[in-house]
All heavy atoms as atom14 arrays in JSON, in Angstrom:
{
  "sequence": "SKIQKEAAAATELAVKKFEAELAKSKASEFTI",
  "atom14_mask": [
    [1, 1, 1, 1, 1, 1, 0, 0, 0, 0, 0, 0, 0, 0],
    [1, 1, 1, 1, 1, 1, 1, 1, 1, 0, 0, 0, 0, 0],
    [1, 1, 1, 1, 1, 1, 1, 1, 0, 0, 0, 0, 0, 0],
    [1, 1, 1, 1, 1, 1, 1, 1, 1, 0, 0, 0, 0, 0],
    [1, 1, 1, 1, 1, 1, 1, 1, 1, 0, 0, 0, 0, 0],
    [1, 1, 1, 1, 1, 1, 1, 1, 1, 0, 0, 0, 0, 0],
    [1, 1, 1, 1, 1, 0, 0, 0, 0, 0, 0, 0, 0, 0],
    [1, 1, 1, 1, 1, 0, 0, 0, 0, 0, 0, 0, 0, 0],
    [1, 1, 1, 1, 1, 0, 0, 0, 0, 0, 0, 0, 0, 0],
    [1, 1, 1, 1, 1, 0, 0, 0, 0, 0, 0, 0, 0, 0],
    [1, 1, 1, 1, 1, 1, 1, 0, 0, 0, 0, 0, 0, 0],
    [1, 1, 1, 1, 1, 1, 1, 1, 1, 0, 0, 0, 0, 0],
    [1, 1, 1, 1, 1, 1, 1, 1, 0, 0, 0, 0, 0, 0],
    [1, 1, 1, 1, 1, 0, 0, 0, 0, 0, 0, 0, 0, 0],
    [1, 1, 1, 1, 1, 1, 1, 0, 0, 0, 0, 0, 0, 0],
    [1, 1, 1, 1, 1, 1, 1, 1, 1, 0, 0, 0, 0, 0],
    [1, 1, 1, 1, 1, 1, 1, 1, 1, 0, 0, 0, 0, 0],
    [1, 1, 1, 1, 1, 1, 1, 1, 1, 1, 1, 0, 0, 0],
    [1, 1, 1, 1, 1, 1, 1, 1, 1, 0, 0, 0, 0, 0],
    [1, 1, 1, 1, 1, 0, 0, 0, 0, 0, 0, 0, 0, 0],
    [1, 1, 1, 1, 1, 1, 1, 1, 1, 0, 0, 0, 0, 0],
    [1, 1, 1, 1, 1, 1, 1, 1, 0, 0, 0, 0, 0, 0],
    [1, 1, 1, 1, 1, 0, 0, 0, 0, 0, 0, 0, 0, 0],
    [1, 1, 1, 1, 1, 1, 1, 1, 1, 0, 0, 0, 0, 0],
    [1, 1, 1, 1, 1, 1, 0, 0, 0, 0, 0, 0, 0, 0],
    [1, 1, 1, 1, 1, 1, 1, 1, 1, 0, 0, 0, 0, 0],
    [1, 1, 1, 1, 1, 0, 0, 0, 0, 0, 0, 0, 0, 0],
    [1, 1, 1, 1, 1, 1, 0, 0, 0, 0, 0, 0, 0, 0],
    [1, 1, 1, 1, 1, 1, 1, 1, 1, 0, 0, 0, 0, 0],
    [1, 1, 1, 1, 1, 1, 1, 1, 1, 1, 1, 0, 0, 0],
    [1, 1, 1, 1, 1, 1, 1, 0, 0, 0, 0, 0, 0, 0],
    [1, 1, 1, 1, 1, 1, 1, 1, 0, 0, 0, 0, 0, 0]
  ],
  "atom14_positions": [
    [[3.18, 28.84, 90.16], [1.84, 29.02, 90.81], [1.95, 29.91, 92.03], [1.03, 30.7, 92.32], [1.26, 27.64, 91.18], [2.06, 27.02, 92.17], [0.0, 0.0, 0.0], [0.0, 0.0, 0.0], [0.0, 0.0, 0.0], [0.0, 0.0, 0.0], [0.0, 0.0, 0.0], [0.0, 0.0, 0.0], [0.0, 0.0, 0.0], [0.0, 0.0, 0.0]],
    [[3.04, 29.82, 92.77], [3.22, 30.67, 93.96], [3.38, 32.13, 93.52], [2.81, 33.03, 94.2], [4.46, 30.24, 94.74], [4.24, 28.89, 95.5], [5.49, 28.47, 96.29], [5.22, 27.21, 97.05], [6.44, 26.78, 97.81], [0.0, 0.0, 0.0], [0.0, 0.0, 0.0], [0.0, 0.0, 0.0], [0.0, 0.0, 0.0], [0.0, 0.0, 0.0]],
    [[4.13, 32.39, 92.46], [4.29, 33.74, 91.99], [2.98, 34.35, 91.55], [2.63, 35.46, 91.85], [5.35, 33.81, 90.85], [6.72, 33.42, 91.38], [5.35, 35.13, 90.16], [7.75, 33.24, 90.26], [0.0, 0.0, 0.0], [0.0, 0.0, 0.0], [0.0, 0.0, 0.0], [0.0, 0.0, 0.0], [0.0, 0.0, 0.0], [0.0, 0.0, 0.0]],
    [[2.18, 33.48, 90.82], [0.87, 33.95, 90.34], [-0.1, 34.18, 91.49], [-0.97, 35.06, 91.45], [0.3, 32.95, 89.37], [1.03, 32.92, 88.03], [0.27, 32.16, 86.98], [-0.46, 31.24, 87.31], [0.43, 32.51, 85.74], [0.0, 0.0, 0.0], [0.0, 0.0, 0.0], [0.0, 0.0, 0.0], [0.0, 0.0, 0.0], [0.0, 0.0, 0.0]],
    [[0.05, 33.38, 92.55], [-0.83, 33.61, 93.71], [-0.53, 34.98, 94.35], [-1.45, 35.74, 94.73], [-0.59, 32.5, 94.71], [-1.43, 32.68, 96.0], [-0.98, 31.73, 97.1], [-1.67, 32.13, 98.41], [-1.22, 31.35, 99.54], [0.0, 0.0, 0.0], [0.0, 0.0, 0.0], [0.0, 0.0, 0.0], [0.0, 0.0, 0.0], [0.0, 0.0, 0.0]],
    [[0.75, 35.29, 94.47], [1.14, 36.59, 95.01], [0.66, 37.74, 94.17], [0.32, 38.84, 94.65], [2.65, 36.68, 95.18], [3.18, 35.71, 96.24], [4.69, 35.73, 96.29], [5.32, 36.47, 95.49], [5.27, 35.0, 97.09], [0.0, 0.0, 0.0], [0.0, 0.0, 0.0], [0.0, 0.0, 0.0], [0.0, 0.0, 0.0], [0.0, 0.0, 0.0]],
    [[0.55, 37.47, 92.83], [0.07, 38.5, 91.94], [-1.46, 38.44, 91.78], [-1.98, 39.16, 90.89], [0.75, 38.37, 90.59], [0.0, 0.0, 0.0], [0.0, 0.0, 0.0], [0.0, 0.0, 0.0], [0.0, 0.0, 0.0], [0.0, 0.0, 0.0], [0.0, 0.0, 0.0], [0.0, 0.0, 0.0], [0.0, 0.0, 0.0], [0.0, 0.0, 0.0]],
    [[-2.09, 37.56, 92.58], [-3.54, 37.39, 92.54], [-4.02, 36.87, 91.19], [-5.19, 37.03, 90.83], [-4.21, 38.74, 92.86], [0.0, 0.0, 0.0], [0.0, 0.0, 0.0], [0.0, 0.0, 0.0], [0.0, 0.0, 0.0], [0.0, 0.0, 0.0], [0.0, 0.0, 0.0], [0.0, 0.0, 0.0], [0.0, 0.0, 0.0], [0.0, 0.0, 0.0]],
    [[-3.13, 36.17, 90.48], [-3.51, 35.57, 89.22], [-3.87, 34.1, 89.39], [-4.35, 33.46, 88.46], [-2.38, 35.69, 88.19], [0.0, 0.0, 0.0], [0.0, 0.0, 0.0], [0.0, 0.0, 0.0], [0.0, 0.0, 0.0], [0.0, 0.0, 0.0], [0.0, 0.0, 0.0], [0.0, 0.0, 0.0], [0.0, 0.0, 0.0], [0.0, 0.0, 0.0]],
    [[-3.6, 33.54, 90.55], [-3.92, 32.12, 90.86], [-4.33, 32.01, 92.34], [-4.13, 32.96, 93.11], [-2.72, 31.22, 90.61], [0.0, 0.0, 0.0], [0.0, 0.0, 0.0], [0.0, 0.0, 0.0], [0.0, 0.0, 0.0], [0.0, 0.0, 0.0], [0.0, 0.0, 0.0], [0.0, 0.0, 0.0], [0.0, 0.0, 0.0], [0.0, 0.0, 0.0]],
    [[-4.94, 30.92, 92.68], [-5.43, 30.72, 94.07], [-4.53, 29.73, 94.79], [-3.64, 29.1, 94.27], [-6.84, 30.18, 94.0], [-6.84, 28.86, 93.4], [-7.79, 31.06, 93.21], [0.0, 0.0, 0.0], [0.0, 0.0, 0.0], [0.0, 0.0, 0.0], [0.0, 0.0, 0.0], [0.0, 0.0, 0.0], [0.0, 0.0, 0.0], [0.0, 0.0, 0.0]],
    [[-4.84, 29.67, 96.15], [-4.12, 28.71, 96.95], [-4.38, 27.26, 96.53], [-3.53, 26.36, 96.73], [-4.57, 28.9, 98.45], [-3.9, 28.0, 99.49], [-2.41, 28.28, 99.67], [-1.96, 29.35, 99.23], [-1.71, 27.39, 100.16], [0.0, 0.0, 0.0], [0.0, 0.0, 0.0], [0.0, 0.0, 0.0], [0.0, 0.0, 0.0], [0.0, 0.0, 0.0]],
    [[-5.56, 27.03, 95.94], [-5.87, 25.67, 95.48], [-4.9, 25.2, 94.39], [-4.46, 24.06, 94.44], [-7.3, 25.67, 94.89], [-7.82, 24.35, 94.35], [-7.8, 23.24, 95.43], [-9.18, 24.5, 93.74], [0.0, 0.0, 0.0], [0.0, 0.0, 0.0], [0.0, 0.0, 0.0], [0.0, 0.0, 0.0], [0.0, 0.0, 0.0], [0.0, 0.0, 0.0]],
    [[-4.51, 26.08, 93.5], [-3.56, 25.73, 92.45], [-2.18, 25.37, 93.05], [-1.56, 24.37, 92.67], [-3.37, 26.88, 91.47], [0.0, 0.0, 0.0], [0.0, 0.0, 0.0], [0.0, 0.0, 0.0], [0.0, 0.0, 0.0], [0.0, 0.0, 0.0], [0.0, 0.0, 0.0], [0.0, 0.0, 0.0], [0.0, 0.0, 0.0], [0.0, 0.0, 0.0]],
    [[-1.79, 26.17, 94.08], [-0.49, 25.89, 94.78], [-0.56, 24.47, 95.42], [0.38, 23.68, 95.28], [-0.21, 26.98, 95.82], [1.02, 26.61, 96.62], [-0.04, 28.33, 95.14], [0.0, 0.0, 0.0], [0.0, 0.0, 0.0], [0.0, 0.0, 0.0], [0.0, 0.0, 0.0], [0.0, 0.0, 0.0], [0.0, 0.0, 0.0], [0.0, 0.0, 0.0]],
    [[-1.62, 24.19, 96.13], [-1.72, 22.87, 96.8], [-1.77, 21.71, 95.83], [-1.22, 20.63, 96.05], [-2.98, 22.86, 97.71], [-2.89, 23.83, 98.88], [-1.67, 23.56, 99.72], [-1.56, 24.5, 100.89], [-0.32, 24.3, 101.69], [0.0, 0.0, 0.0], [0.0, 0.0, 0.0], [0.0, 0.0, 0.0], [0.0, 0.0, 0.0], [0.0, 0.0, 0.0]],
    [[-2.43, 21.95, 94.67], [-2.49, 20.89, 93.65], [-1.11, 20.55, 93.11], [-0.76, 19.39, 92.92], [-3.43, 21.33, 92.51], [-4.87, 21.19, 92.82], [-5.32, 19.69, 92.79], [-6.81, 19.54, 92.95], [-7.22, 18.1, 92.93], [0.0, 0.0, 0.0], [0.0, 0.0, 0.0], [0.0, 0.0, 0.0], [0.0, 0.0, 0.0], [0.0, 0.0, 0.0]],
    [[-0.3, 21.59, 92.87], [1.08, 21.38, 92.33], [1.95, 20.78, 93.44], [2.82, 19.97, 93.17], [1.64, 22.72, 91.86], [1.15, 23.1, 90.49], [0.38, 24.25, 90.3], [1.46, 22.29, 89.38], [-0.05, 24.62, 89.07], [1.01, 22.68, 88.12], [0.24, 23.81, 87.94], [0.0, 0.0, 0.0], [0.0, 0.0, 0.0], [0.0, 0.0, 0.0]],
    [[1.74, 21.15, 94.7], [2.5, 20.56, 95.78], [2.19, 19.03, 95.89], [3.07, 18.21, 96.09], [2.17, 21.22, 97.11], [2.78, 22.62, 97.23], [2.41, 23.27, 98.56], [1.52, 22.73, 99.27], [3.0, 24.31, 98.89], [0.0, 0.0, 0.0], [0.0, 0.0, 0.0], [0.0, 0.0, 0.0], [0.0, 0.0, 0.0], [0.0, 0.0, 0.0]],
    [[0.9, 18.7, 95.75], [0.53, 17.29, 95.86], [1.09, 16.47, 94.68], [1.55, 15.35, 94.82], [-1.04, 17.16, 95.82], [0.0, 0.0, 0.0], [0.0, 0.0, 0.0], [0.0, 0.0, 0.0], [0.0, 0.0, 0.0], [0.0, 0.0, 0.0], [0.0, 0.0, 0.0], [0.0, 0.0, 0.0], [0.0, 0.0, 0.0], [0.0, 0.0, 0.0]],
    [[1.09, 17.08, 93.51], [1.66, 16.4, 92.35], [3.14, 16.2, 92.47], [3.69, 15.14, 92.05], [1.33, 17.17, 91.04], [1.59, 16.41, 89.78], [0.63, 15.29, 89.55], [-0.43, 15.22, 90.19], [0.95, 14.42, 88.74], [0.0, 0.0, 0.0], [0.0, 0.0, 0.0], [0.0, 0.0, 0.0], [0.0, 0.0, 0.0], [0.0, 0.0, 0.0]],
    [[3.84, 17.15, 93.04], [5.27, 17.04, 93.3], [5.55, 15.94, 94.26], [6.48, 15.11, 94.04], [5.8, 18.39, 93.82], [7.28, 18.43, 94.18], [8.15, 18.13, 92.95], [7.66, 19.79, 94.77], [0.0, 0.0, 0.0], [0.0, 0.0, 0.0], [0.0, 0.0, 0.0], [0.0, 0.0, 0.0], [0.0, 0.0, 0.0], [0.0, 0.0, 0.0]],
    [[4.79, 15.79, 95.37], [4.99, 14.73, 96.37], [4.7, 13.37, 95.72], [5.43, 12.41, 95.97], [4.07, 14.97, 97.52], [0.0, 0.0, 0.0], [0.0, 0.0, 0.0], [0.0, 0.0, 0.0], [0.0, 0.0, 0.0], [0.0, 0.0, 0.0], [0.0, 0.0, 0.0], [0.0, 0.0, 0.0], [0.0, 0.0, 0.0], [0.0, 0.0, 0.0]],
    [[3.72, 13.3, 94.83], [3.4, 12.06, 94.19], [4.52, 11.57, 93.25], [4.87, 10.4, 93.26], [2.12, 12.2, 93.38], [1.68, 10.97, 92.66], [0.4, 11.24, 91.87], [0.03, 10.03, 91.04], [-1.22, 10.24, 90.22], [0.0, 0.0, 0.0], [0.0, 0.0, 0.0], [0.0, 0.0, 0.0], [0.0, 0.0, 0.0], [0.0, 0.0, 0.0]],
    [[5.11, 12.52, 92.54], [6.2, 12.16, 91.63], [7.44, 11.73, 92.39], [8.16, 10.79, 91.99], [6.54, 13.33, 90.7], [7.01, 14.45, 91.43], [0.0, 0.0, 0.0], [0.0, 0.0, 0.0], [0.0, 0.0, 0.0], [0.0, 0.0, 0.0], [0.0, 0.0, 0.0], [0.0, 0.0, 0.0], [0.0, 0.0, 0.0], [0.0, 0.0, 0.0]],
    [[7.67, 12.35, 93.55], [8.86, 11.97, 94.37], [8.65, 10.55, 94.96], [9.58, 9.76, 95.04], [9.08, 12.96, 95.51], [9.66, 14.28, 95.04], [9.9, 15.23, 96.24], [10.56, 16.54, 95.76], [10.81, 17.48, 96.94], [0.0, 0.0, 0.0], [0.0, 0.0, 0.0], [0.0, 0.0, 0.0], [0.0, 0.0, 0.0], [0.0, 0.0, 0.0]],
    [[7.37, 10.24, 95.33], [7.09, 8.93, 95.88], [7.29, 7.85, 94.79], [7.83, 6.75, 95.09], [5.65, 8.91, 96.39], [0.0, 0.0, 0.0], [0.0, 0.0, 0.0], [0.0, 0.0, 0.0], [0.0, 0.0, 0.0], [0.0, 0.0, 0.0], [0.0, 0.0, 0.0], [0.0, 0.0, 0.0], [0.0, 0.0, 0.0], [0.0, 0.0, 0.0]],
    [[6.87, 8.18, 93.58], [7.05, 7.23, 92.47], [8.53, 6.9, 92.23], [8.88, 5.81, 91.83], [6.43, 7.77, 91.19], [5.05, 8.0, 91.35], [0.0, 0.0, 0.0], [0.0, 0.0, 0.0], [0.0, 0.0, 0.0], [0.0, 0.0, 0.0], [0.0, 0.0, 0.0], [0.0, 0.0, 0.0], [0.0, 0.0, 0.0], [0.0, 0.0, 0.0]],
    [[9.38, 7.9, 92.42], [10.82, 7.69, 92.25], [11.33, 6.61, 93.19], [12.13, 5.73, 92.73], [11.54, 9.04, 92.54], [13.05, 8.91, 92.35], [13.75, 10.25, 92.58], [13.08, 11.31, 92.46], [14.93, 10.24, 92.89], [0.0, 0.0, 0.0], [0.0, 0.0, 0.0], [0.0, 0.0, 0.0], [0.0, 0.0, 0.0], [0.0, 0.0, 0.0]],
    [[10.89, 6.59, 94.41], [11.37, 5.57, 95.34], [10.83, 4.17, 95.0], [11.5, 3.16, 95.22], [10.98, 5.94, 96.78], [11.78, 7.12, 97.29], [11.22, 8.39, 97.37], [13.09, 6.95, 97.74], [11.96, 9.45, 97.85], [13.81, 8.02, 98.24], [13.24, 9.34, 98.24], [0.0, 0.0, 0.0], [0.0, 0.0, 0.0], [0.0, 0.0, 0.0]],
    [[9.61, 4.13, 94.48], [9.05, 2.86, 94.02], [9.9, 2.24, 92.88], [10.21, 1.05, 92.9], [7.61, 3.05, 93.52], [6.79, 3.56, 94.59], [7.01, 1.73, 93.06], [0.0, 0.0, 0.0], [0.0, 0.0, 0.0], [0.0, 0.0, 0.0], [0.0, 0.0, 0.0], [0.0, 0.0, 0.0], [0.0, 0.0, 0.0], [0.0, 0.0, 0.0]],
    [[10.29, 3.09, 91.95], [11.11, 2.63, 90.83], [12.49, 2.21, 91.32], [13.07, 1.19, 90.85], [11.17, 3.68, 89.75], [9.8, 3.89, 89.13], [12.17, 3.27, 88.67], [9.73, 4.99, 88.1], [0.0, 0.0, 0.0], [0.0, 0.0, 0.0], [0.0, 0.0, 0.0], [0.0, 0.0, 0.0], [0.0, 0.0, 0.0], [0.0, 0.0, 0.0]]
  ]
}
């Protein structure tokens, strides 16, 4: 998503959504 943003093929919103999902998955790891 970051590469596509630089190429103007994606927006900052897509980058933030993927960052949020990554943080959520890392948090789930500690719960388990």
